[in-house]
Structures are given as C-alpha cells and as structure tokens.
Amino acid sequence: MPRLLENLPNGTPVLSATEGPLGEVRGVFAIGETRVPECLLIFWNDTKEETLLDAYEVLAISDEGVMLRSAREMYKVLPGYDPYSNPLLKRLT
C-alpha cells in the first residue's frame, strides 16, 4: 500500500483505532496547482455519504489503510460532499 496521501488509491480503507473500519477513500485533493494533499473524500459506511476530511486528520497510513486521529462521532458534523462548492480543489487521485 502506498504510504503517501497523494498516492492513495480509491477504495483504501479508512479506520479508527477504537472502532475499526469506518469507510473508504474516494479521492485525494490539493488546492490549485500544488500536489500537496489538503483533504480526502471519504465514503462513510454508516451513513453511505461522502464528505471532505482535512488531511491533518490522518494519523497514519499502513497496509490496513488510513488511520484517523478521532472517533467517527467527531466527523458526523461534516457536510455532504458537493463537487461544486470549492472550485479550487484539484483531484490528485
């Protein structure tokens, strides 16, 4: 499994240390012309929705997937993904 955010393939599992599998990565985005990952598009297993998550929330990347720094409850307040809400985002993967 790639160990860099900008190389994560779609479908990479999203995990919590205490809750196990939470969802999967559906994309990695940068702002403008940079290649620095700013956020990940996450599909959540519980709500079947996609949201953008700040790349800072990734604690680690392992062979099992992407480990988040907080429990799922912390991310439930994030709005659903709207591809037209931020035209500066550029998909890396």
PDB file of N, CA and C in Angstrom:
ATOM      1  N   MET A   1       0.847  -1.181   0.000  1.00  0.00           N
ATOM      2  CA  MET A   1       0.000   0.000   0.000  1.00  0.00           C
ATOM      3  C   MET A   1       0.890   1.240   0.000  1.00  0.00           C
ATOM      4  N   PRO A   2       0.542   2.251  -0.808  1.00  0.00           N
ATOM      5  CA  PRO A   2       1.308   3.500  -0.807  1.00  0.00           C
ATOM      6  C   PRO A   2       1.295   4.138   0.584  1.00  0.00           C
ATOM      7  N   ARG A   3       2.375   4.773   0.944  1.00  0.00           N
ATOM      8  CA  ARG A   3       2.499   5.396   2.270  1.00  0.00           C
ATOM      9  C   ARG A   3       2.378   6.909   2.216  1.00  0.00           C
ATOM     10  N   LEU A   4       2.030   7.457   1.043  1.00  0.00           N
ATOM     11  CA  LEU A   4       1.854   8.892   0.892  1.00  0.00           C
ATOM     12  C   LEU A   4       0.410   9.182   0.517  1.00  0.00           C
ATOM     13  N   LEU A   5      -0.154  10.232   1.082  1.00  0.00           N
ATOM     14  CA  LEU A   5      -1.545  10.574   0.794  1.00  0.00           C
ATOM     15  C   LEU A   5      -1.793  10.796  -0.692  1.00  0.00           C
ATOM     16  N   GLU A   6      -0.861  11.462  -1.369  1.00  0.00           N
ATOM     17  CA  GLU A   6      -1.088  11.786  -2.778  1.00  0.00           C
ATOM     18  C   GLU A   6      -1.095  10.552  -3.678  1.00  0.00           C
ATOM     19  N   ASN A   7      -0.694   9.394  -3.146  1.00  0.00           N
ATOM     20  CA  ASN A   7      -0.682   8.165  -3.933  1.00  0.00           C
ATOM     21  C   ASN A   7      -1.743   7.158  -3.509  1.00  0.00           C
ATOM     22  N   LEU A   8      -2.618   7.530  -2.584  1.00  0.00           N
ATOM     23  CA  LEU A   8      -3.632   6.585  -2.103  1.00  0.00           C
ATOM     24  C   LEU A   8      -4.634   6.257  -3.205  1.00  0.00           C
ATOM     25  N   PRO A   9      -4.860   4.982  -3.455  1.00  0.00           N
ATOM     26  CA  PRO A   9      -5.868   4.628  -4.457  1.00  0.00           C
ATOM     27  C   PRO A   9      -7.277   4.717  -3.882  1.00  0.00           C
ATOM     28  N   ASN A  10      -8.237   4.954  -4.748  1.00  0.00           N
ATOM     29  CA  ASN A  10      -9.630   4.921  -4.331  1.00  0.00           C
ATOM     30  C   ASN A  10      -9.923   3.535  -3.776  1.00  0.00           C
ATOM     31  N   GLY A  11     -10.735   3.490  -2.728  1.00  0.00           N
ATOM     32  CA  GLY A  11     -11.071   2.223  -2.097  1.00  0.00           C
ATOM     33  C   GLY A  11     -10.200   1.876  -0.912  1.00  0.00           C
ATOM     34  N   THR A  12      -9.169   2.693  -0.636  1.00  0.00           N
ATOM     35  CA  THR A  12      -8.337   2.447   0.537  1.00  0.00           C
ATOM     36  C   THR A  12      -9.206   2.531   1.785  1.00  0.00           C
ATOM     37  N   PRO A  13      -9.150   1.528   2.660  1.00  0.00           N
ATOM     38  CA  PRO A  13      -9.968   1.559   3.873  1.00  0.00           C
ATOM     39  C   PRO A  13      -9.616   2.727   4.791  1.00  0.00           C
ATOM     40  N   VAL A  14     -10.648   3.268   5.433  1.00  0.00           N
ATOM     41  CA  VAL A  14     -10.491   4.316   6.452  1.00  0.00           C
ATOM     42  C   VAL A  14     -10.839   3.666   7.777  1.00  0.00           C
ATOM     43  N   LEU A  15      -9.931   3.801   8.749  1.00  0.00           N
ATOM     44  CA  LEU A  15     -10.043   3.083  10.011  1.00  0.00           C
ATOM     45  C   LEU A  15      -9.987   4.000  11.220  1.00  0.00           C
ATOM     46  N   SER A  16     -10.501   3.477  12.310  1.00  0.00           N
ATOM     47  CA  SER A  16     -10.358   4.101  13.620  1.00  0.00           C
ATOM     48  C   SER A  16      -9.696   3.074  14.523  1.00  0.00           C
ATOM     49  N   ALA A  17      -8.772   3.503  15.368  1.00  0.00           N
ATOM     50  CA  ALA A  17      -8.082   2.580  16.262  1.00  0.00           C
ATOM     51  C   ALA A  17      -9.058   1.900  17.223  1.00  0.00           C
ATOM     52  N   THR A  18     -10.121   2.578  17.578  1.00  0.00           N
ATOM     53  CA  THR A  18     -11.066   2.024  18.549  1.00  0.00           C
ATOM     54  C   THR A  18     -12.321   1.442  17.917  1.00  0.00           C
ATOM     55  N   GLU A  19     -12.646   1.857  16.691  1.00  0.00           N
ATOM     56  CA  GLU A  19     -13.907   1.442  16.071  1.00  0.00           C
ATOM     57  C   GLU A  19     -13.743   0.537  14.860  1.00  0.00           C
ATOM     58  N   GLY A  20     -12.533   0.346  14.394  1.00  0.00           N
ATOM     59  CA  GLY A  20     -12.308  -0.485  13.217  1.00  0.00           C
ATOM     60  C   GLY A  20     -12.629   0.246  11.931  1.00  0.00           C
ATOM     61  N   PRO A  21     -13.093  -0.464  10.891  1.00  0.00           N
ATOM     62  CA  PRO A  21     -13.369   0.146   9.593  1.00  0.00           C
ATOM     63  C   PRO A  21     -14.508   1.169   9.662  1.00  0.00           C
ATOM     64  N   LEU A  22     -14.274   2.337   9.070  1.00  0.00           N
ATOM     65  CA  LEU A  22     -15.278   3.400   9.047  1.00  0.00           C
ATOM     66  C   LEU A  22     -15.786   3.690   7.642  1.00  0.00           C
ATOM     67  N   GLY A  23     -14.968   3.410   6.643  1.00  0.00           N
ATOM     68  CA  GLY A  23     -15.341   3.740   5.277  1.00  0.00           C
ATOM     69  C   GLY A  23     -14.179   3.515   4.343  1.00  0.00           C
ATOM     70  N   GLU A  24     -14.153   4.314   3.262  1.00  0.00           N
ATOM     71  CA  GLU A  24     -13.068   4.196   2.289  1.00  0.00           C
ATOM     72  C   GLU A  24     -12.776   5.542   1.653  1.00  0.00           C
ATOM     73  N   VAL A  25     -11.544   5.668   1.162  1.00  0.00           N
ATOM     74  CA  VAL A  25     -11.110   6.869   0.454  1.00  0.00           C
ATOM     75  C   VAL A  25     -11.694   6.832  -0.956  1.00  0.00           C
ATOM     76  N   ARG A  26     -12.290   7.944  -1.358  1.00  0.00           N
ATOM     77  CA  ARG A  26     -12.834   8.053  -2.715  1.00  0.00           C
ATOM     78  C   ARG A  26     -12.082   9.098  -3.540  1.00  0.00           C
ATOM     79  N   GLY A  27     -11.099   9.773  -2.920  1.00  0.00           N
ATOM     80  CA  GLY A  27     -10.301  10.757  -3.645  1.00  0.00           C
ATOM     81  C   GLY A  27      -9.408  11.532  -2.702  1.00  0.00           C
ATOM     82  N   VAL A  28      -8.344  12.080  -3.250  1.00  0.00           N
ATOM     83  CA  VAL A  28      -7.423  12.951  -2.517  1.00  0.00           C
ATOM     84  C   VAL A  28      -7.335  14.238  -3.316  1.00  0.00           C
ATOM     85  N   PHE A  29      -7.429  15.387  -2.622  1.00  0.00           N
ATOM     86  CA  PHE A  29      -7.479  16.682  -3.284  1.00  0.00           C
ATOM     87  C   PHE A  29      -6.394  17.631  -2.785  1.00  0.00           C
ATOM     88  N   ALA A  30      -5.907  18.446  -3.700  1.00  0.00           N
ATOM     89  CA  ALA A  30      -4.993  19.543  -3.396  1.00  0.00           C
ATOM     90  C   ALA A  30      -5.722  20.837  -3.752  1.00  0.00           C
ATOM     91  N   ILE A  31      -5.113  21.959  -3.388  1.00  0.00           N
ATOM     92  CA  ILE A  31      -5.678  23.252  -3.741  1.00  0.00           C
ATOM     93  C   ILE A  31      -4.837  23.860  -4.847  1.00  0.00           C
ATOM     94  N   GLY A  32      -5.500  24.276  -5.907  1.00  0.00           N
ATOM     95  CA  GLY A  32      -4.808  24.920  -7.024  1.00  0.00           C
ATOM     96  C   GLY A  32      -3.885  23.960  -7.748  1.00  0.00           C
ATOM     97  N   GLU A  33      -2.714  24.438  -8.076  1.00  0.00           N
ATOM     98  CA  GLU A  33      -1.766  23.655  -8.875  1.00  0.00           C
ATOM     99  C   GLU A  33      -0.759  22.882  -8.040  1.00  0.00           C
ATOM    100  N   THR A  34      -0.880  22.916  -6.729  1.00  0.00           N
ATOM    101  CA  THR A  34       0.066  22.178  -5.894  1.00  0.00           C
ATOM    102  C   THR A  34      -0.240  20.692  -5.941  1.00  0.00           C
ATOM    103  N   ARG A  35       0.676  19.885  -5.431  1.00  0.00           N
ATOM    104  CA  ARG A  35       0.470  18.439  -5.283  1.00  0.00           C
ATOM    105  C   ARG A  35       0.443  18.066  -3.808  1.00  0.00           C
ATOM    106  N   VAL A  36       0.242  19.053  -2.962  1.00  0.00           N
ATOM    107  CA  VAL A  36       0.186  18.826  -1.514  1.00  0.00           C
ATOM    108  C   VAL A  36      -1.245  18.459  -1.141  1.00  0.00           C
ATOM    109  N   PRO A  37      -1.461  17.251  -0.624  1.00  0.00           N
ATOM    110  CA  PRO A  37      -2.821  16.844  -0.257  1.00  0.00           C
ATOM    111  C   PRO A  37      -3.390  17.721   0.853  1.00  0.00           C
ATOM    112  N   GLU A  38      -4.552  18.270   0.606  1.00  0.00           N
ATOM    113  CA  GLU A  38      -5.229  19.104   1.601  1.00  0.00           C
ATOM    114  C   GLU A  38      -6.415  18.391   2.235  1.00  0.00           C
ATOM    115  N   CYS A  39      -7.089  17.529   1.458  1.00  0.00           N
ATOM    116  CA  CYS A  39      -8.248  16.837   2.006  1.00  0.00           C
ATOM    117  C   CYS A  39      -8.490  15.524   1.271  1.00  0.00           C
ATOM    118  N   LEU A  40      -9.235  14.660   1.940  1.00  0.00           N
ATOM    119  CA  LEU A  40      -9.610  13.375   1.377  1.00  0.00           C
ATOM    120  C   LEU A  40     -11.121  13.322   1.264  1.00  0.00           C
ATOM    121  N   LEU A  41     -11.588  12.696   0.213  1.00  0.00           N
ATOM    122  CA  LEU A  41     -13.008  12.436   0.056  1.00  0.00           C
ATOM    123  C   LEU A  41     -13.251  11.054   0.658  1.00  0.00           C
ATOM    124  N   ILE A  42     -14.075  11.014   1.700  1.00  0.00           N
ATOM    125  CA  ILE A  42     -14.331   9.779   2.435  1.00  0.00           C
ATOM    126  C   ILE A  42     -15.772   9.339   2.228  1.00  0.00           C
ATOM    127  N   PHE A  43     -15.957   8.066   1.914  1.00  0.00           N
ATOM    128  CA  PHE A  43     -17.282   7.453   1.900  1.00  0.00           C
ATOM    129  C   PHE A  43     -17.434   6.732   3.230  1.00  0.00           C
ATOM    130  N   TRP A  44     -18.440   7.132   4.007  1.00  0.00           N
ATOM    131  CA  TRP A  44     -18.669   6.569   5.340  1.00  0.00           C
ATOM    132  C   TRP A  44     -19.608   5.377   5.251  1.00  0.00           C
ATOM    133  N   ASN A  45     -19.235   4.270   5.868  1.00  0.00           N
ATOM    134  CA  ASN A  45     -20.056   3.058   5.858  1.00  0.00           C
ATOM    135  C   ASN A  45     -21.397   3.253   6.551  1.00  0.00           C
ATOM    136  N   ASP A  46     -21.432   4.028   7.634  1.00  0.00           N
ATOM    137  CA  ASP A  46     -22.659   4.139   8.422  1.00  0.00           C
ATOM    138  C   ASP A  46     -23.729   4.994   7.757  1.00  0.00           C
ATOM    139  N   THR A  47     -23.349   6.088   7.118  1.00  0.00           N
ATOM    140  CA  THR A  47     -24.329   6.997   6.517  1.00  0.00           C
ATOM    141  C   THR A  47     -24.440   6.840   5.005  1.00  0.00           C
ATOM    142  N   LYS A  48     -23.490   6.120   4.401  1.00  0.00           N
ATOM    143  CA  LYS A  48     -23.442   5.940   2.941  1.00  0.00           C
ATOM    144  C   LYS A  48     -23.326   7.284   2.224  1.00  0.00           C
ATOM    145  N   GLU A  49     -22.649   8.246   2.862  1.00  0.00           N
ATOM    146  CA  GLU A  49     -22.421   9.574   2.293  1.00  0.00           C
ATOM    147  C   GLU A  49     -20.932   9.830   2.143  1.00  0.00           C
ATOM    148  N   GLU A  50     -20.615  10.793   1.275  1.00  0.00           N
ATOM    149  CA  GLU A  50     -19.238  11.235   1.099  1.00  0.00           C
ATOM    150  C   GLU A  50     -19.074  12.613   1.730  1.00  0.00           C
ATOM    151  N   THR A  51     -17.939  12.810   2.409  1.00  0.00           N
ATOM    152  CA  THR A  51     -17.594  14.121   2.950  1.00  0.00           C
ATOM    153  C   THR A  51     -16.109  14.370   2.713  1.00  0.00           C
ATOM    154  N   LEU A  52     -15.740  15.646   2.698  1.00  0.00           N
ATOM    155  CA  LEU A  52     -14.325  16.005   2.633  1.00  0.00           C
ATOM    156  C   LEU A  52     -13.778  16.069   4.049  1.00  0.00           C
ATOM    157  N   LEU A  53     -12.610  15.490   4.224  1.00  0.00           N
ATOM    158  CA  LEU A  53     -11.958  15.450   5.526  1.00  0.00           C
ATOM    159  C   LEU A  53     -10.570  16.061   5.375  1.00  0.00           C
ATOM    160  N   ASP A  54     -10.224  16.975   6.255  1.00  0.00           N
ATOM    161  CA  ASP A  54      -8.914  17.610   6.237  1.00  0.00           C
ATOM    162  C   ASP A  54      -7.827  16.540   6.339  1.00  0.00           C
ATOM    163  N   ALA A  55      -6.789  16.652   5.522  1.00  0.00           N
ATOM    164  CA  ALA A  55      -5.691  15.680   5.515  1.00  0.00           C
ATOM    165  C   ALA A  55      -5.001  15.598   6.873  1.00  0.00           C
ATOM    166  N   TYR A  56      -5.087  16.643   7.675  1.00  0.00           N
ATOM    167  CA  TYR A  56      -4.494  16.643   9.013  1.00  0.00           C
ATOM    168  C   TYR A  56      -5.095  15.546   9.895  1.00  0.00           C
ATOM    169  N   GLU A  57      -6.303  15.122   9.585  1.00  0.00           N
ATOM    170  CA  GLU A  57      -6.981  14.107  10.393  1.00  0.00           C
ATOM    171  C   GLU A  57      -6.411  12.705  10.213  1.00  0.00           C
ATOM    172  N   VAL A  58      -5.533  12.528   9.233  1.00  0.00           N
ATOM    173  CA  VAL A  58      -4.895  11.223   9.024  1.00  0.00           C
ATOM    174  C   VAL A  58      -3.747  11.083  10.015  1.00  0.00           C
ATOM    175  N   LEU A  59      -3.876  10.074  10.867  1.00  0.00           N
ATOM    176  CA  LEU A  59      -2.843   9.814  11.867  1.00  0.00           C
ATOM    177  C   LEU A  59      -1.714   8.970  11.284  1.00  0.00           C
ATOM    178  N   ALA A  60      -2.078   7.973  10.475  1.00  0.00           N
ATOM    179  CA  ALA A  60      -1.074   7.075   9.905  1.00  0.00           C
ATOM    180  C   ALA A  60      -1.652   6.374   8.679  1.00  0.00           C
ATOM    181  N   ILE A  61      -0.738   5.895   7.833  1.00  0.00           N
ATOM    182  CA  ILE A  61      -1.098   5.071   6.689  1.00  0.00           C
ATOM    183  C   ILE A  61      -0.343   3.755   6.839  1.00  0.00           C
ATOM    184  N   SER A  62      -1.077   2.648   6.797  1.00  0.00           N
ATOM    185  CA  SER A  62      -0.456   1.336   6.952  1.00  0.00           C
ATOM    186  C   SER A  62      -0.988   0.404   5.874  1.00  0.00           C
ATOM    187  N   ASP A  63      -0.557  -0.851   5.919  1.00  0.00           N
ATOM    188  CA  ASP A  63      -1.053  -1.839   4.967  1.00  0.00           C
ATOM    189  C   ASP A  63      -2.548  -2.072   5.126  1.00  0.00           C
ATOM    190  N   GLU A  64      -3.088  -1.782   6.311  1.00  0.00           N
ATOM    191  CA  GLU A  64      -4.521  -1.959   6.564  1.00  0.00           C
ATOM    192  C   GLU A  64      -5.361  -0.805   6.030  1.00  0.00           C
ATOM    193  N   GLY A  65      -4.760   0.376   5.899  1.00  0.00           N
ATOM    194  CA  GLY A  65      -5.488   1.536   5.396  1.00  0.00           C
ATOM    195  C   GLY A  65      -5.059   2.828   6.067  1.00  0.00           C
ATOM    196  N   VAL A  66      -5.965   3.800   6.059  1.00  0.00           N
ATOM    197  CA  VAL A  66      -5.722   5.129   6.622  1.00  0.00           C
ATOM    198  C   VAL A  66      -6.331   5.181   8.016  1.00  0.00           C
ATOM    199  N   MET A  67      -5.508   5.471   9.011  1.00  0.00           N
ATOM    200  CA  MET A  67      -5.972   5.570  10.396  1.00  0.00           C
ATOM    201  C   MET A  67      -6.255   7.041  10.720  1.00  0.00           C
ATOM    202  N   LEU A  68      -7.467   7.308  11.203  1.00  0.00           N
ATOM    203  CA  LEU A  68      -7.855   8.674  11.569  1.00  0.00           C
ATOM    204  C   LEU A  68      -7.527   8.958  13.025  1.00  0.00           C
ATOM    205  N   ARG A  69      -7.340  10.236  13.348  1.00  0.00           N
ATOM    206  CA  ARG A  69      -6.955  10.608  14.704  1.00  0.00           C
ATOM    207  C   ARG A  69      -8.127  10.700  15.666  1.00  0.00           C
ATOM    208  N   SER A  70      -9.343  10.750  15.178  1.00  0.00           N
ATOM    209  CA  SER A  70     -10.505  10.881  16.064  1.00  0.00           C
ATOM    210  C   SER A  70     -11.523   9.778  15.790  1.00  0.00           C
ATOM    211  N   ALA A  71     -12.458   9.638  16.702  1.00  0.00           N
ATOM    212  CA  ALA A  71     -13.551   8.674  16.539  1.00  0.00           C
ATOM    213  C   ALA A  71     -14.534   9.186  15.488  1.00  0.00           C
ATOM    214  N   ARG A  72     -15.315   8.296  14.932  1.00  0.00           N
ATOM    215  CA  ARG A  72     -16.287   8.643  13.880  1.00  0.00           C
ATOM    216  C   ARG A  72     -17.218   9.761  14.311  1.00  0.00           C
ATOM    217  N   GLU A  73     -17.624   9.767  15.544  1.00  0.00           N
ATOM    218  CA  GLU A  73     -18.569  10.775  16.050  1.00  0.00           C
ATOM    219  C   GLU A  73     -18.084  12.203  15.767  1.00  0.00           C
ATOM    220  N   MET A  74     -16.792  12.425  15.809  1.00  0.00           N
ATOM    221  CA  MET A  74     -16.236  13.762  15.574  1.00  0.00           C
ATOM    222  C   MET A  74     -16.461  14.240  14.138  1.00  0.00           C
ATOM    223  N   TYR A  75     -16.626  13.333  13.204  1.00  0.00           N
ATOM    224  CA  TYR A  75     -16.737  13.696  11.798  1.00  0.00           C
ATOM    225  C   TYR A  75     -18.182  13.747  11.299  1.00  0.00           C
ATOM    226  N   LYS A  76     -19.120  13.383  12.141  1.00  0.00           N
ATOM    227  CA  LYS A  76     -20.523  13.352  11.711  1.00  0.00           C
ATOM    228  C   LYS A  76     -21.093  14.738  11.423  1.00  0.00           C
ATOM    229  N   VAL A  77     -20.445  15.785  11.893  1.00  0.00           N
ATOM    230  CA  VAL A  77     -20.927  17.152  11.662  1.00  0.00           C
ATOM    231  C   VAL A  77     -20.504  17.691  10.292  1.00  0.00           C
ATOM    232  N   LEU A  78     -19.642  16.977   9.588  1.00  0.00           N
ATOM    233  CA  LEU A  78     -19.169  17.446   8.286  1.00  0.00           C
ATOM    234  C   LEU A  78     -20.299  17.390   7.265  1.00  0.00           C
ATOM    235  N   PRO A  79     -20.410  18.410   6.419  1.00  0.00           N
ATOM    236  CA  PRO A  79     -21.471  18.395   5.399  1.00  0.00           C
ATOM    237  C   PRO A  79     -21.164  17.382   4.300  1.00  0.00           C
ATOM    238  N   GLY A  80     -22.198  16.955   3.606  1.00  0.00           N
ATOM    239  CA  GLY A  80     -22.024  16.068   2.457  1.00  0.00           C
ATOM    240  C   GLY A  80     -21.183  16.740   1.379  1.00  0.00           C
ATOM    241  N   TYR A  81     -20.513  15.946   0.592  1.00  0.00           N
ATOM    242  CA  TYR A  81     -19.626  16.456  -0.447  1.00  0.00           C
ATOM    243  C   TYR A  81     -20.418  17.051  -1.607  1.00  0.00           C
ATOM    244  N   ASP A  82     -20.049  18.257  -1.986  1.00  0.00           N
ATOM    245  CA  ASP A  82     -20.611  18.933  -3.151  1.00  0.00           C
ATOM    246  C   ASP A  82     -19.438  19.333  -4.040  1.00  0.00           C
ATOM    247  N   PRO A  83     -19.261  18.687  -5.192  1.00  0.00           N
ATOM    248  CA  PRO A  83     -18.092  18.965  -6.029  1.00  0.00           C
ATOM    249  C   PRO A  83     -18.025  20.394  -6.553  1.00  0.00           C
ATOM    250  N   TYR A  84     -19.120  21.124  -6.485  1.00  0.00           N
ATOM    251  CA  TYR A  84     -19.145  22.499  -6.995  1.00  0.00           C
ATOM    252  C   TYR A  84     -18.925  23.541  -5.906  1.00  0.00           C
ATOM    253  N   SER A  85     -18.818  23.112  -4.656  1.00  0.00           N
ATOM    254  CA  SER A  85     -18.703  24.072  -3.555  1.00  0.00           C
ATOM    255  C   SER A  85     -17.317  24.691  -3.443  1.00  0.00           C
ATOM    256  N   ASN A  86     -16.290  24.048  -3.951  1.00  0.00           N
ATOM    257  CA  ASN A  86     -14.942  24.594  -3.872  1.00  0.00           C
ATOM    258  C   ASN A  86     -14.212  24.342  -5.192  1.00  0.00           C
ATOM    259  N   PRO A  87     -14.299  25.286  -6.123  1.00  0.00           N
ATOM    260  CA  PRO A  87     -13.700  25.092  -7.443  1.00  0.00           C
ATOM    261  C   PRO A  87     -12.167  25.072  -7.433  1.00  0.00           C
ATOM    262  N   LEU A  88     -11.530  25.459  -6.323  1.00  0.00           N
ATOM    263  CA  LEU A  88     -10.084  25.460  -6.263  1.00  0.00           C
ATOM    264  C   LEU A  88      -9.498  24.060  -6.009  1.00  0.00           C
ATOM    265  N   LEU A  89     -10.334  23.127  -5.554  1.00  0.00           N
ATOM    266  CA  LEU A  89      -9.837  21.788  -5.281  1.00  0.00           C
ATOM    267  C   LEU A  89      -9.512  21.049  -6.574  1.00  0.00           C
ATOM    268  N   LYS A  90      -8.357  20.379  -6.568  1.00  0.00           N
ATOM    269  CA  LYS A  90      -7.934  19.596  -7.724  1.00  0.00           C
ATOM    270  C   LYS A  90      -7.699  18.173  -7.250  1.00  0.00           C
ATOM    271  N   ARG A  91      -8.325  17.231  -7.935  1.00  0.00           N
ATOM    272  CA  ARG A  91      -8.200  15.820  -7.566  1.00  0.00           C
ATOM    273  C   ARG A  91      -6.805  15.306  -7.921  1.00  0.00           C
ATOM    274  N   LEU A  92      -6.146  14.692  -6.919  1.00  0.00           N
ATOM    275  CA  LEU A  92      -4.854  14.058  -7.144  1.00  0.00           C
ATOM    276  C   LEU A  92      -5.031  12.585  -7.470  1.00  0.00           C
ATOM    277  N   THR A  93      -5.968  11.946  -6.777  1.00  0.00           N
ATOM    278  CA  THR A  93      -6.282  10.516  -7.048  1.00  0.00           C
ATOM    279  C   THR A  93      -7.779  10.340  -7.020  1.00  0.00           C
TER     280      THR A  93
END
